[in-house]
């Protein structure tokens, strides 16, 4: 018999399918097509270190993979509703969080492939730069010029609140291997990874040899802000997970995990896309005689 908690999970899982594997891939593909149609290789050769057909083929593959993942998600959902015996979902009788976890991992595979492809694109761009005359913008990049201090404080506070609350509800049990310690280490390690990536983006060498200073600055700001949003979302999720151990909310585990995956994508990728409208970017640097600000 279906319960309201089952229906809530179905809605959350449908949202996870649609938002991560349909809505945002379509937005990304629309941006790619806009760039190729508006800034063709004949006028902007530095933007295309590889053949146009290769880019179009990659877009078709990216779209096809996400379509397959959508159908896989729907198949999983239908199997949960009509095939799998409800009593065998998890030890506690509720829908197991294994399903949104497994599907979420599958959903992030195309995004990882896109990141690898973008890195390869930047590498080819740098290799194609043959001019010995280089321009450098010596303006220092400062953290609080790219990210809100209040947002940074909120992210740090959210981390400590989540960890302290977890310790409090478990009587400050810090024995090795306890769920509280594991969660604190995972949350802390993830935040360190995000902070390291943010520092590399802020102070490291730029990957794109042609990008204008203003566009790079905008990209850094959008990326750092999205990292902080993700950190806050993780802290909130871990706090709820700790509360689950005390208030017996096992019936919401799968739903909350599904919502968490969706929220991470909306807060990170959604913010990146909103903060970097293509119409405001300087594509003149990709012309044959465009200035390379490196």
C-alpha atoms as a PDB file:
ATOM      1  CA  UNK A   1       0.000   0.000   0.000  1.00  0.00           C
ATOM      2  CA  UNK A   2       1.327   3.395  -0.992  1.00  0.00           C
ATOM      3  CA  UNK A   3       1.685   5.990   1.733  1.00  0.00           C
ATOM      4  CA  UNK A   4       2.077   9.785   1.636  1.00  0.00           C
ATOM      5  CA  UNK A   5       5.796   9.358   2.226  1.00  0.00           C
ATOM      6  CA  UNK A   6       6.021   7.170  -0.887  1.00  0.00           C
ATOM      7  CA  UNK A   7       4.187   9.792  -2.938  1.00  0.00           C
ATOM      8  CA  UNK A   8       6.528  12.476  -1.612  1.00  0.00           C
ATOM      9  CA  UNK A   9       9.511  10.444  -2.739  1.00  0.00           C
ATOM     10  CA  UNK A  10       8.008   9.902  -6.195  1.00  0.00           C
ATOM     11  CA  UNK A  11       7.607  13.671  -6.623  1.00  0.00           C
ATOM     12  CA  UNK A  12      11.149  14.370  -5.386  1.00  0.00           C
ATOM     13  CA  UNK A  13      12.643  11.662  -7.603  1.00  0.00           C
ATOM     14  CA  UNK A  14      10.764  12.952 -10.650  1.00  0.00           C
ATOM     15  CA  UNK A  15      12.216  16.363  -9.883  1.00  0.00           C
ATOM     16  CA  UNK A  16      15.686  14.858  -9.680  1.00  0.00           C
ATOM     17  CA  UNK A  17      15.226  13.210 -13.078  1.00  0.00           C
ATOM     18  CA  UNK A  18      13.830  16.286 -14.798  1.00  0.00           C
ATOM     19  CA  UNK A  19      16.063  18.985 -13.321  1.00  0.00           C
ATOM     20  CA  UNK A  20      19.437  17.226 -13.496  1.00  0.00           C
ATOM     21  CA  UNK A  21      19.111  15.136 -16.658  1.00  0.00           C
ATOM     22  CA  UNK A  22      16.701  17.164 -18.800  1.00  0.00           C
ATOM     23  CA  UNK A  23      16.337  20.818 -17.811  1.00  0.00           C
ATOM     24  CA  UNK A  24      19.973  21.796 -17.261  1.00  0.00           C
ATOM     25  CA  UNK A  25      21.418  19.689 -20.104  1.00  0.00           C
ATOM     26  CA  UNK A  26      18.949  21.426 -22.433  1.00  0.00           C
ATOM     27  CA  UNK A  27      20.052  24.832 -21.154  1.00  0.00           C
ATOM     28  CA  UNK A  28      23.709  23.927 -21.676  1.00  0.00           C
ATOM     29  CA  UNK A  29      23.046  22.631 -25.189  1.00  0.00           C
ATOM     30  CA  UNK A  30      21.118  25.799 -25.993  1.00  0.00           C
ATOM     31  CA  UNK A  31      24.119  27.876 -24.902  1.00  0.00           C
ATOM     32  CA  UNK A  32      26.464  25.760 -27.013  1.00  0.00           C
ATOM     33  CA  UNK A  33      24.258  26.131 -30.095  1.00  0.00           C
ATOM     34  CA  UNK A  34      23.927  29.867 -29.500  1.00  0.00           C
ATOM     35  CA  UNK A  35      27.699  30.306 -29.392  1.00  0.00           C
ATOM     36  CA  UNK A  36      28.293  28.270 -32.550  1.00  0.00           C
ATOM     37  CA  UNK A  37      25.532  30.066 -34.474  1.00  0.00           C
ATOM     38  CA  UNK A  38      26.381  33.579 -33.269  1.00  0.00           C
ATOM     39  CA  UNK A  39      30.176  33.282 -33.266  1.00  0.00           C
ATOM     40  CA  UNK A  40      31.092  31.022 -36.226  1.00  0.00           C
ATOM     41  CA  UNK A  41      34.642  29.741 -36.757  1.00  0.00           C
ATOM     42  CA  UNK A  42      35.088  31.861 -39.881  1.00  0.00           C
ATOM     43  CA  UNK A  43      34.975  35.025 -37.750  1.00  0.00           C
ATOM     44  CA  UNK A  44      36.114  33.644 -34.373  1.00  0.00           C
ATOM     45  CA  UNK A  45      38.760  31.021 -35.204  1.00  0.00           C
ATOM     46  CA  UNK A  46      40.435  31.089 -31.776  1.00  0.00           C
ATOM     47  CA  UNK A  47      37.223  29.745 -30.243  1.00  0.00           C
ATOM     48  CA  UNK A  48      37.492  26.530 -32.258  1.00  0.00           C
ATOM     49  CA  UNK A  49      40.828  24.729 -31.845  1.00  0.00           C
ATOM     50  CA  UNK A  50      39.083  21.598 -33.182  1.00  0.00           C
ATOM     51  CA  UNK A  51      36.704  21.078 -36.083  1.00  0.00           C
ATOM     52  CA  UNK A  52      33.118  22.311 -35.812  1.00  0.00           C
ATOM     53  CA  UNK A  53      31.814  18.848 -36.640  1.00  0.00           C
ATOM     54  CA  UNK A  54      33.660  17.451 -33.627  1.00  0.00           C
ATOM     55  CA  UNK A  55      31.843  19.917 -31.357  1.00  0.00           C
ATOM     56  CA  UNK A  56      28.469  19.140 -32.911  1.00  0.00           C
ATOM     57  CA  UNK A  57      29.132  15.415 -32.560  1.00  0.00           C
ATOM     58  CA  UNK A  58      30.037  15.884 -28.890  1.00  0.00           C
ATOM     59  CA  UNK A  59      26.806  17.802 -28.341  1.00  0.00           C
ATOM     60  CA  UNK A  60      24.790  14.983 -29.900  1.00  0.00           C
ATOM     61  CA  UNK A  61      26.520  12.430 -27.698  1.00  0.00           C
ATOM     62  CA  UNK A  62      25.948  14.563 -24.582  1.00  0.00           C
ATOM     63  CA  UNK A  63      22.261  14.923 -25.416  1.00  0.00           C
ATOM     64  CA  UNK A  64      21.845  11.210 -26.171  1.00  0.00           C
ATOM     65  CA  UNK A  65      23.517  10.146 -22.910  1.00  0.00           C
ATOM     66  CA  UNK A  66      21.245  12.412 -20.866  1.00  0.00           C
ATOM     67  CA  UNK A  67      18.182  11.111 -22.692  1.00  0.00           C
ATOM     68  CA  UNK A  68      19.189   7.552 -21.841  1.00  0.00           C
ATOM     69  CA  UNK A  69      19.704   8.568 -18.212  1.00  0.00           C
ATOM     70  CA  UNK A  70      16.205  10.099 -18.145  1.00  0.00           C
ATOM     71  CA  UNK A  71      14.715   6.807 -19.349  1.00  0.00           C
ATOM     72  CA  UNK A  72      16.803   4.904 -16.788  1.00  0.00           C
ATOM     73  CA  UNK A  73      15.425   7.154 -14.051  1.00  0.00           C
ATOM     74  CA  UNK A  74      11.853   6.629 -15.177  1.00  0.00           C
ATOM     75  CA  UNK A  75      12.464   2.869 -15.319  1.00  0.00           C
ATOM     76  CA  UNK A  76      13.831   2.931 -11.760  1.00  0.00           C
ATOM     77  CA  UNK A  77      10.836   4.912 -10.546  1.00  0.00           C
ATOM     78  CA  UNK A  78       8.322   2.606 -12.235  1.00  0.00           C
ATOM     79  CA  UNK A  79      10.144  -0.417 -10.819  1.00  0.00           C
ATOM     80  CA  UNK A  80       9.920   1.032  -7.325  1.00  0.00           C
ATOM     81  CA  UNK A  81       6.203   1.727  -7.739  1.00  0.00           C
ATOM     82  CA  UNK A  82       5.029  -1.442  -9.470  1.00  0.00           C
ATOM     83  CA  UNK A  83       7.672  -4.171  -9.242  1.00  0.00           C
ATOM     84  CA  UNK A  84       9.732  -4.054  -6.054  1.00  0.00           C
ATOM     85  CA  UNK A  85       8.005  -5.252  -2.919  1.00  0.00           C
ATOM     86  CA  UNK A  86       7.699  -2.285  -0.555  1.00  0.00           C
ATOM     87  CA  UNK A  87       8.787  -4.349   2.435  1.00  0.00           C
ATOM     88  CA  UNK A  88      12.156  -5.103   0.851  1.00  0.00           C
ATOM     89  CA  UNK A  89      13.095  -1.487   0.130  1.00  0.00           C
ATOM     90  CA  UNK A  90      15.206  -1.150   3.272  1.00  0.00           C
ATOM     91  CA  UNK A  91      15.693  -2.781   6.659  1.00  0.00           C
ATOM     92  CA  UNK A  92      13.266  -0.314   8.229  1.00  0.00           C
ATOM     93  CA  UNK A  93      10.581  -0.948   5.597  1.00  0.00           C
ATOM     94  CA  UNK A  94      10.896   2.450   3.943  1.00  0.00           C
ATOM     95  CA  UNK A  95      12.167   3.299   0.474  1.00  0.00           C
ATOM     96  CA  UNK A  96      15.949   2.967   0.531  1.00  0.00           C
ATOM     97  CA  UNK A  97      18.142   5.993  -0.133  1.00  0.00           C
ATOM     98  CA  UNK A  98      20.179   3.634  -2.302  1.00  0.00           C
ATOM     99  CA  UNK A  99      17.944   4.514  -5.274  1.00  0.00           C
ATOM    100  CA  UNK A 100      18.462   8.295  -5.433  1.00  0.00           C
ATOM    101  CA  UNK A 101      22.119   7.788  -4.492  1.00  0.00           C
ATOM    102  CA  UNK A 102      22.761   5.314  -7.315  1.00  0.00           C
ATOM    103  CA  UNK A 103      20.833   7.385  -9.822  1.00  0.00           C
ATOM    104  CA  UNK A 104      22.500  10.614  -8.713  1.00  0.00           C
ATOM    105  CA  UNK A 105      25.931   9.103  -9.366  1.00  0.00           C
ATOM    106  CA  UNK A 106      24.806   8.063 -12.844  1.00  0.00           C
ATOM    107  CA  UNK A 107      23.430  11.556 -13.500  1.00  0.00           C
ATOM    108  CA  UNK A 108      26.750  13.237 -12.729  1.00  0.00           C
ATOM    109  CA  UNK A 109      28.678  11.142 -15.286  1.00  0.00           C
ATOM    110  CA  UNK A 110      27.807  13.409 -18.285  1.00  0.00           C
ATOM    111  CA  UNK A 111      28.706  16.498 -16.238  1.00  0.00           C
ATOM    112  CA  UNK A 112      32.111  14.968 -15.464  1.00  0.00           C
ATOM    113  CA  UNK A 113      32.597  14.199 -19.135  1.00  0.00           C
ATOM    114  CA  UNK A 114      31.714  17.789 -20.004  1.00  0.00           C
ATOM    115  CA  UNK A 115      34.304  19.112 -17.540  1.00  0.00           C
ATOM    116  CA  UNK A 116      36.988  16.846 -19.000  1.00  0.00           C
ATOM    117  CA  UNK A 117      36.037  17.942 -22.511  1.00  0.00           C
ATOM    118  CA  UNK A 118      36.218  21.615 -21.499  1.00  0.00           C
ATOM    119  CA  UNK A 119      39.666  21.102 -19.998  1.00  0.00           C
ATOM    120  CA  UNK A 120      40.785  19.500 -23.253  1.00  0.00           C
ATOM    121  CA  UNK A 121      39.354  22.461 -25.163  1.00  0.00           C
ATOM    122  CA  UNK A 122      41.349  24.927 -23.052  1.00  0.00           C
ATOM    123  CA  UNK A 123      44.500  22.828 -23.477  1.00  0.00           C
ATOM    124  CA  UNK A 124      44.128  22.958 -27.248  1.00  0.00           C
ATOM    125  CA  UNK A 125      43.586  26.710 -27.092  1.00  0.00           C
ATOM    126  CA  UNK A 126      46.815  27.205 -25.156  1.00  0.00           C
ATOM    127  CA  UNK A 127      48.681  24.963 -27.573  1.00  0.00           C
ATOM    128  CA  UNK A 128      47.396  26.993 -30.514  1.00  0.00           C
ATOM    129  CA  UNK A 129      48.703  30.286 -29.109  1.00  0.00           C
ATOM    130  CA  UNK A 130      51.814  31.007 -31.173  1.00  0.00           C
ATOM    131  CA  UNK A 131      52.237  34.720 -30.593  1.00  0.00           C
ATOM    132  CA  UNK A 132      55.268  35.676 -28.568  1.00  0.00           C
ATOM    133  CA  UNK A 133      53.652  38.960 -27.510  1.00  0.00           C
ATOM    134  CA  UNK A 134      51.580  38.434 -24.408  1.00  0.00           C
ATOM    135  CA  UNK A 135      49.576  40.850 -22.352  1.00  0.00           C
ATOM    136  CA  UNK A 136      49.097  40.469 -18.650  1.00  0.00           C
ATOM    137  CA  UNK A 137      46.611  42.136 -16.357  1.00  0.00           C
ATOM    138  CA  UNK A 138      48.506  42.800 -13.158  1.00  0.00           C
ATOM    139  CA  UNK A 139      45.500  43.783 -11.083  1.00  0.00           C
ATOM    140  CA  UNK A 140      45.526  41.641  -7.908  1.00  0.00           C
ATOM    141  CA  UNK A 141      42.605  39.284  -7.381  1.00  0.00           C
ATOM    142  CA  UNK A 142      41.174  39.617  -3.889  1.00  0.00           C
ATOM    143  CA  UNK A 143      38.746  37.155  -2.346  1.00  0.00           C
ATOM    144  CA  UNK A 144      36.100  39.619  -1.214  1.00  0.00           C
ATOM    145  CA  UNK A 145      36.033  41.295  -4.605  1.00  0.00           C
ATOM    146  CA  UNK A 146      34.644  38.042  -5.967  1.00  0.00           C
ATOM    147  CA  UNK A 147      32.488  36.698  -3.165  1.00  0.00           C
ATOM    148  CA  UNK A 148      30.230  38.133  -0.475  1.00  0.00           C
ATOM    149  CA  UNK A 149      31.837  38.163   3.007  1.00  0.00           C
ATOM    150  CA  UNK A 150      28.398  37.515   4.524  1.00  0.00           C
ATOM    151  CA  UNK A 151      27.952  34.411   2.368  1.00  0.00           C
ATOM    152  CA  UNK A 152      31.383  33.117   3.389  1.00  0.00           C
ATOM    153  CA  UNK A 153      30.585  33.664   7.074  1.00  0.00           C
ATOM    154  CA  UNK A 154      27.248  31.897   6.606  1.00  0.00           C
ATOM    155  CA  UNK A 155      28.952  28.892   4.998  1.00  0.00           C
ATOM    156  CA  UNK A 156      31.512  28.616   7.812  1.00  0.00           C
ATOM    157  CA  UNK A 157      28.788  29.029  10.444  1.00  0.00           C
ATOM    158  CA  UNK A 158      26.625  26.393   8.758  1.00  0.00           C
ATOM    159  CA  UNK A 159      29.530  23.941   8.856  1.00  0.00           C
ATOM    160  CA  UNK A 160      30.180  24.418  12.569  1.00  0.00           C
ATOM    161  CA  UNK A 161      26.464  24.320  13.400  1.00  0.00           C
ATOM    162  CA  UNK A 162      26.064  21.024  11.556  1.00  0.00           C
ATOM    163  CA  UNK A 163      29.095  19.436  13.239  1.00  0.00           C
ATOM    164  CA  UNK A 164      28.282  20.709  16.759  1.00  0.00           C
ATOM    165  CA  UNK A 165      24.623  19.701  16.448  1.00  0.00           C
ATOM    166  CA  UNK A 166      25.655  16.231  15.307  1.00  0.00           C
ATOM    167  CA  UNK A 167      28.004  15.902  18.282  1.00  0.00           C
ATOM    168  CA  UNK A 168      25.363  17.241  20.674  1.00  0.00           C
ATOM    169  CA  UNK A 169      22.587  14.847  19.691  1.00  0.00           C
ATOM    170  CA  UNK A 170      25.038  11.938  19.981  1.00  0.00           C
ATOM    171  CA  UNK A 171      26.368  12.969  23.412  1.00  0.00           C
ATOM    172  CA  UNK A 172      29.678  14.110  21.924  1.00  0.00           C
ATOM    173  CA  UNK A 173      30.679  10.573  21.035  1.00  0.00           C
ATOM    174  CA  UNK A 174      33.904  10.981  19.062  1.00  0.00           C
ATOM    175  CA  UNK A 175      34.898   7.344  18.943  1.00  0.00           C
ATOM    176  CA  UNK A 176      36.646   6.400  15.718  1.00  0.00           C
ATOM    177  CA  UNK A 177      34.206   5.054  13.143  1.00  0.00           C
ATOM    178  CA  UNK A 178      31.121   6.586  14.747  1.00  0.00           C
ATOM    179  CA  UNK A 179      28.678   8.134  12.257  1.00  0.00           C
ATOM    180  CA  UNK A 180      29.206  11.555  13.806  1.00  0.00           C
ATOM    181  CA  UNK A 181      32.965  11.458  13.235  1.00  0.00           C
ATOM    182  CA  UNK A 182      32.546  10.087   9.716  1.00  0.00           C
ATOM    183  CA  UNK A 183      30.071  12.830   8.800  1.00  0.00           C
ATOM    184  CA  UNK A 184      32.319  15.538  10.262  1.00  0.00           C
ATOM    185  CA  UNK A 185      35.318  14.230   8.312  1.00  0.00           C
ATOM    186  CA  UNK A 186      33.374  13.946   5.063  1.00  0.00           C
ATOM    187  CA  UNK A 187      31.892  17.426   5.430  1.00  0.00           C
ATOM    188  CA  UNK A 188      35.233  18.927   6.447  1.00  0.00           C
ATOM    189  CA  UNK A 189      37.107  17.171   3.651  1.00  0.00           C
ATOM    190  CA  UNK A 190      34.596  18.290   1.042  1.00  0.00           C
ATOM    191  CA  UNK A 191      34.829  21.882   2.224  1.00  0.00           C
ATOM    192  CA  UNK A 192      38.631  21.736   2.086  1.00  0.00           C
ATOM    193  CA  UNK A 193      38.404  20.410  -1.469  1.00  0.00           C
ATOM    194  CA  UNK A 194      36.027  23.241  -2.476  1.00  0.00           C
ATOM    195  CA  UNK A 195      38.257  25.823  -0.792  1.00  0.00           C
ATOM    196  CA  UNK A 196      41.350  24.459  -2.582  1.00  0.00           C
ATOM    197  CA  UNK A 197      39.581  24.506  -5.927  1.00  0.00           C
ATOM    198  CA  UNK A 198      38.374  28.048  -5.263  1.00  0.00           C
ATOM    199  CA  UNK A 199      41.899  29.209  -4.332  1.00  0.00           C
ATOM    200  CA  UNK A 200      43.285  27.631  -7.500  1.00  0.00           C
ATOM    201  CA  UNK A 201      40.674  29.408  -9.623  1.00  0.00           C
ATOM    202  CA  UNK A 202      41.303  32.722  -7.862  1.00  0.00           C
ATOM    203  CA  UNK A 203      45.093  32.760  -7.761  1.00  0.00           C
ATOM    204  CA  UNK A 204      46.209  30.144 -10.275  1.00  0.00           C
ATOM    205  CA  UNK A 205      46.989  30.475 -13.958  1.00  0.00           C
ATOM    206  CA  UNK A 206      43.970  30.775 -16.189  1.00  0.00           C
ATOM    207  CA  UNK A 207      43.110  27.882 -18.457  1.00  0.00           C
ATOM    208  CA  UNK A 208      41.656  29.928 -21.310  1.00  0.00           C
ATOM    209  CA  UNK A 209      44.489  31.973 -22.886  1.00  0.00           C
ATOM    210  CA  UNK A 210      42.099  34.345 -24.687  1.00  0.00           C
ATOM    211  CA  UNK A 211      39.417  35.142 -22.122  1.00  0.00           C
ATOM    212  CA  UNK A 212      38.916  38.813 -21.265  1.00  0.00           C
ATOM    213  CA  UNK A 213      39.726  39.984 -17.744  1.00  0.00           C
ATOM    214  CA  UNK A 214      36.119  40.960 -17.017  1.00  0.00           C
ATOM    215  CA  UNK A 215      34.780  37.598 -18.183  1.00  0.00           C
ATOM    216  CA  UNK A 216      37.325  35.695 -16.129  1.00  0.00           C
ATOM    217  CA  UNK A 217      36.533  37.801 -13.081  1.00  0.00           C
ATOM    218  CA  UNK A 218      32.823  37.126 -13.558  1.00  0.00           C
ATOM    219  CA  UNK A 219      33.484  33.397 -13.909  1.00  0.00           C
ATOM    220  CA  UNK A 220      35.586  33.315 -10.736  1.00  0.00           C
ATOM    221  CA  UNK A 221      32.889  35.169  -8.780  1.00  0.00           C
ATOM    222  CA  UNK A 222      30.150  32.841 -10.035  1.00  0.00           C
ATOM    223  CA  UNK A 223      32.211  29.727  -9.273  1.00  0.00           C
ATOM    224  CA  UNK A 224      33.192  30.795  -5.759  1.00  0.00           C
ATOM    225  CA  UNK A 225      29.608  31.740  -4.929  1.00  0.00           C
ATOM    226  CA  UNK A 226      28.341  28.398  -6.228  1.00  0.00           C
ATOM    227  CA  UNK A 227      30.933  26.609  -4.068  1.00  0.00           C
ATOM    228  CA  UNK A 228      29.628  28.421  -0.984  1.00  0.00           C
ATOM    229  CA  UNK A 229      26.031  27.580  -1.894  1.00  0.00           C
ATOM    230  CA  UNK A 230      27.011  23.917  -2.195  1.00  0.00           C
ATOM    231  CA  UNK A 231      28.813  24.036   1.156  1.00  0.00           C
ATOM    232  CA  UNK A 232      25.744  25.484   2.873  1.00  0.00           C
ATOM    233  CA  UNK A 233      23.487  22.891   1.231  1.00  0.00           C
ATOM    234  CA  UNK A 234      25.790  20.069   2.382  1.00  0.00           C
ATOM    235  CA  UNK A 235      25.825  21.398   5.934  1.00  0.00           C
ATOM    236  CA  UNK A 236      22.035  21.605   5.949  1.00  0.00           C
ATOM    237  CA  UNK A 237      21.761  18.045   4.633  1.00  0.00           C
ATOM    238  CA  UNK A 238      24.206  16.669   7.207  1.00  0.00           C
ATOM    239  CA  UNK A 239      22.341  18.526   9.951  1.00  0.00           C
ATOM    240  CA  UNK A 240      19.071  16.921   8.880  1.00  0.00           C
ATOM    241  CA  UNK A 241      20.825  13.545   8.698  1.00  0.00           C
ATOM    242  CA  UNK A 242      21.969  13.968  12.301  1.00  0.00           C
ATOM    243  CA  UNK A 243      18.445  14.945  13.346  1.00  0.00           C
ATOM    244  CA  UNK A 244      17.183  11.794  11.651  1.00  0.00           C
ATOM    245  CA  UNK A 245      19.051   9.695  14.222  1.00  0.00           C
ATOM    246  CA  UNK A 246      17.188  11.417  17.050  1.00  0.00           C
ATOM    247  CA  UNK A 247      13.710  12.135  15.721  1.00  0.00           C
ATOM    248  CA  UNK A 248      13.250   8.878  13.802  1.00  0.00           C
ATOM    249  CA  UNK A 249      12.729  10.320  10.316  1.00  0.00           C
ATOM    250  CA  UNK A 250      13.881   7.272   8.388  1.00  0.00           C
ATOM    251  CA  UNK A 251      10.777   7.496   6.232  1.00  0.00           C
ATOM    252  CA  UNK A 252      12.200  10.698   4.674  1.00  0.00           C
ATOM    253  CA  UNK A 253      15.752   9.474   3.984  1.00  0.00           C
ATOM    254  CA  UNK A 254      15.283   8.728   0.285  1.00  0.00           C
ATOM    255  CA  UNK A 255      13.209  11.858  -0.318  1.00  0.00           C
ATOM    256  CA  UNK A 256      15.698  14.152   1.398  1.00  0.00           C
ATOM    257  CA  UNK A 257      18.632  12.659  -0.525  1.00  0.00           C
ATOM    258  CA  UNK A 258      16.801  13.138  -3.816  1.00  0.00           C
ATOM    259  CA  UNK A 259      15.999  16.753  -2.927  1.00  0.00           C
ATOM    260  CA  UNK A 260      19.611  17.270  -1.873  1.00  0.00           C
ATOM    261  CA  UNK A 261      20.996  16.148  -5.241  1.00  0.00           C
ATOM    262  CA  UNK A 262      18.559  18.423  -7.047  1.00  0.00           C
ATOM    263  CA  UNK A 263      19.345  21.382  -4.784  1.00  0.00           C
ATOM    264  CA  UNK A 264      23.101  20.996  -5.317  1.00  0.00           C
ATOM    265  CA  UNK A 265      22.679  21.246  -9.093  1.00  0.00           C
ATOM    266  CA  UNK A 266      20.219  24.150  -8.917  1.00  0.00           C
ATOM    267  CA  UNK A 267      22.455  26.127  -6.550  1.00  0.00           C
ATOM    268  CA  UNK A 268      25.741  25.450  -8.340  1.00  0.00           C
ATOM    269  CA  UNK A 269      25.084  25.075 -12.064  1.00  0.00           C
ATOM    270  CA  UNK A 270      21.995  27.268 -11.928  1.00  0.00           C
ATOM    271  CA  UNK A 271      23.939  30.133 -10.371  1.00  0.00           C
ATOM    272  CA  UNK A 272      26.817  29.722 -12.835  1.00  0.00           C
ATOM    273  CA  UNK A 273      24.481  30.006 -15.822  1.00  0.00           C
ATOM    274  CA  UNK A 274      22.526  32.960 -14.424  1.00  0.00           C
ATOM    275  CA  UNK A 275      25.690  34.863 -13.549  1.00  0.00           C
ATOM    276  CA  UNK A 276      27.333  34.470 -16.955  1.00  0.00           C
ATOM    277  CA  UNK A 277      24.906  35.496 -19.711  1.00  0.00           C
ATOM    278  CA  UNK A 278      26.478  34.915 -23.105  1.00  0.00           C
ATOM    279  CA  UNK A 279      25.273  38.286 -24.365  1.00  0.00           C
ATOM    280  CA  UNK A 280      27.554  40.064 -21.886  1.00  0.00           C
ATOM    281  CA  UNK A 281      30.723  38.128 -22.703  1.00  0.00           C
ATOM    282  CA  UNK A 282      33.501  39.536 -24.856  1.00  0.00           C
ATOM    283  CA  UNK A 283      33.917  37.199 -27.822  1.00  0.00           C
ATOM    284  CA  UNK A 284      36.058  39.640 -29.799  1.00  0.00           C
ATOM    285  CA  UNK A 285      39.133  38.114 -28.168  1.00  0.00           C
ATOM    286  CA  UNK A 286      38.504  34.976 -30.247  1.00  0.00           C
ATOM    287  CA  UNK A 287      38.809  36.798 -33.569  1.00  0.00           C
ATOM    288  CA  UNK A 288      41.910  36.319 -35.675  1.00  0.00           C
ATOM    289  CA  UNK A 289      43.287  39.682 -34.554  1.00  0.00           C
ATOM    290  CA  UNK A 290      41.754  39.552 -31.089  1.00  0.00           C
ATOM    291  CA  UNK A 291      43.978  40.547 -28.205  1.00  0.00           C
ATOM    292  CA  UNK A 292      45.063  37.615 -26.038  1.00  0.00           C
ATOM    293  CA  UNK A 293      45.088  38.846 -22.441  1.00  0.00           C
ATOM    294  CA  UNK A 294      47.277  36.226 -20.806  1.00  0.00           C
END
